[in-house]
Protein backbone atom coordinates (compact mmCIF):
# COMPACT_ATOMS: atom_id res chain seq x y z
CA LEU A 1 -106.74 113.71 16.32
CA PRO A 2 -109.90 115.32 14.99
CA ALA A 3 -113.29 113.62 14.94
CA LEU A 4 -112.99 113.21 11.17
CA VAL A 5 -109.99 111.52 9.54
CA VAL A 6 -109.48 111.05 5.79
CA ILE A 7 -107.06 108.33 4.68
CA HIS A 8 -105.78 108.30 1.14
CA MET A 9 -102.87 105.91 0.74
CA GLY A 10 -101.35 107.86 -2.15
CA THR A 11 -99.60 106.25 -5.09
CA ASN A 12 -96.40 104.81 -3.68
CA ALA A 13 -97.73 101.64 -2.11
CA GLY A 14 -100.86 99.70 -1.34
CA ILE A 15 -102.69 98.52 1.75
CA THR A 16 -103.51 95.12 3.21
CA ARG A 17 -106.50 94.19 5.34
CA ALA A 18 -104.21 93.84 8.35
CA TRP A 19 -103.01 97.44 7.96
CA PHE A 20 -106.56 98.68 7.37
CA ASP A 21 -107.69 97.04 10.62
CA LYS A 22 -104.66 98.43 12.44
CA TYR A 23 -105.49 101.98 11.34
CA MET A 24 -109.09 101.55 12.42
CA ARG A 25 -108.07 100.21 15.85
CA LEU A 26 -105.65 103.12 16.34
CA LEU A 27 -108.26 105.70 15.35
CA GLY A 28 -110.97 104.09 17.46
CA PRO A 29 -114.73 103.84 16.98
CA GLU A 30 -115.46 107.43 18.01
CA ARG A 31 -113.89 108.96 14.89
CA ARG A 32 -115.45 108.97 11.45
CA VAL A 33 -112.87 107.66 8.99
CA VAL A 34 -113.19 108.27 5.25
CA TRP A 35 -111.15 105.83 3.17
CA VAL A 36 -110.21 106.90 -0.35
CA THR A 37 -109.55 104.35 -3.09
CA LEU A 38 -106.42 104.68 -5.20
CA GLN A 39 -106.49 106.18 -8.68
CA LEU A 40 -103.34 105.41 -10.59
CA ARG A 41 -102.23 105.62 -14.19
CA ASN A 42 -103.48 102.57 -16.09
CA ASP A 43 -100.02 101.00 -16.03
CA TYR A 44 -100.72 97.64 -14.43
CA THR A 45 -97.12 96.44 -14.67
CA ARG A 46 -95.91 99.36 -12.56
CA TYR A 47 -98.95 99.78 -10.29
CA THR A 48 -99.72 96.18 -9.42
CA TYR A 49 -101.25 97.09 -6.06
CA GLU A 50 -104.09 99.37 -7.23
CA ALA A 51 -106.81 96.74 -7.78
CA ARG A 52 -105.77 94.71 -4.72
CA SER A 53 -105.70 97.76 -2.44
CA ASN A 54 -109.03 99.07 -3.70
CA ALA A 55 -110.63 95.67 -3.14
CA VAL A 56 -109.35 95.70 0.46
CA ILE A 57 -110.68 99.20 1.09
CA ARG A 58 -114.08 98.54 -0.51
CA ALA A 59 -114.58 95.34 1.52
CA ALA A 60 -113.10 96.44 4.85
CA VAL A 61 -115.10 99.68 5.10
CA LYS A 62 -118.24 97.53 5.45
CA ALA A 63 -116.91 96.02 8.71
CA TYR A 64 -116.73 99.35 10.55
CA PRO A 65 -119.80 101.48 11.30
CA ASN A 66 -117.64 104.62 11.58
CA ALA A 67 -115.88 104.06 8.23
CA ARG A 68 -116.97 105.65 4.96
CA LEU A 69 -115.89 104.89 1.41
CA PHE A 70 -114.88 107.54 -1.08
CA ASP A 71 -114.43 105.53 -4.27
CA TRP A 72 -112.17 108.07 -5.97
CA ASN A 73 -111.02 105.37 -8.38
CA LYS A 74 -114.53 104.86 -9.71
CA VAL A 75 -115.63 108.50 -9.65
CA SER A 76 -112.48 109.95 -11.23
CA GLU A 77 -112.46 107.47 -14.14
CA ALA A 78 -115.61 109.10 -15.51
CA HIS A 79 -113.96 112.55 -15.33
CA SER A 80 -110.33 111.68 -16.02
CA ARG A 81 -109.76 114.32 -18.71
CA ALA A 82 -111.18 117.13 -16.59
CA TRP A 83 -109.93 116.09 -13.15
CA LEU A 84 -106.55 114.44 -13.81
CA ILE A 85 -103.47 115.76 -15.57
CA ALA A 86 -101.74 113.70 -18.26
CA ASP A 87 -99.99 111.42 -15.75
CA GLY A 88 -103.39 110.00 -14.73
CA ILE A 89 -102.68 110.56 -11.03
CA HIS A 90 -102.33 114.21 -10.10
CA LEU A 91 -105.30 116.53 -10.02
CA THR A 92 -106.20 119.55 -12.09
CA PHE A 93 -107.71 122.58 -10.39
CA ALA A 94 -111.19 121.25 -11.23
CA GLY A 95 -110.15 117.83 -9.89
CA ARG A 96 -108.99 119.31 -6.59
CA ARG A 97 -112.29 121.14 -6.16
CA ALA A 98 -114.30 118.00 -6.99
CA TYR A 99 -112.15 115.82 -4.70
CA ALA A 100 -112.62 118.19 -1.75
CA ALA A 101 -116.37 118.61 -2.35
CA LEU A 102 -116.92 114.86 -2.61
CA ILE A 103 -114.94 114.10 0.55
CA ASN A 104 -116.91 116.77 2.40
CA ALA A 105 -120.22 115.28 1.24
CA ILE A 106 -119.22 111.73 2.20
CA ALA A 107 -117.79 112.77 5.56
CA ARG A 108 -121.00 114.57 6.49
CA ALA A 109 -123.38 111.85 5.25
């Protein structure tokens, strides 16, 4: 694996603290790991795991010196019309550019 790993869980499931810790153990302390929060359509009956998963990611990143947080959920909310298509999940061209630039900045910080 490369020295830099980006983990974005996607939209089909969430993450628990146990799985977060397992990923970090498997990747080891020598790799920088950027964790991306979930951004889902504001349909809280369908996407019940968004808030729970984001809380896990935001808290667990603090326990690992080699982990970084990319709070895509927070950042994309402010730009949802420009960066997300109508489904509230998938990215526009401008969203893809912003996503990549932000991950690059966080990974190199």
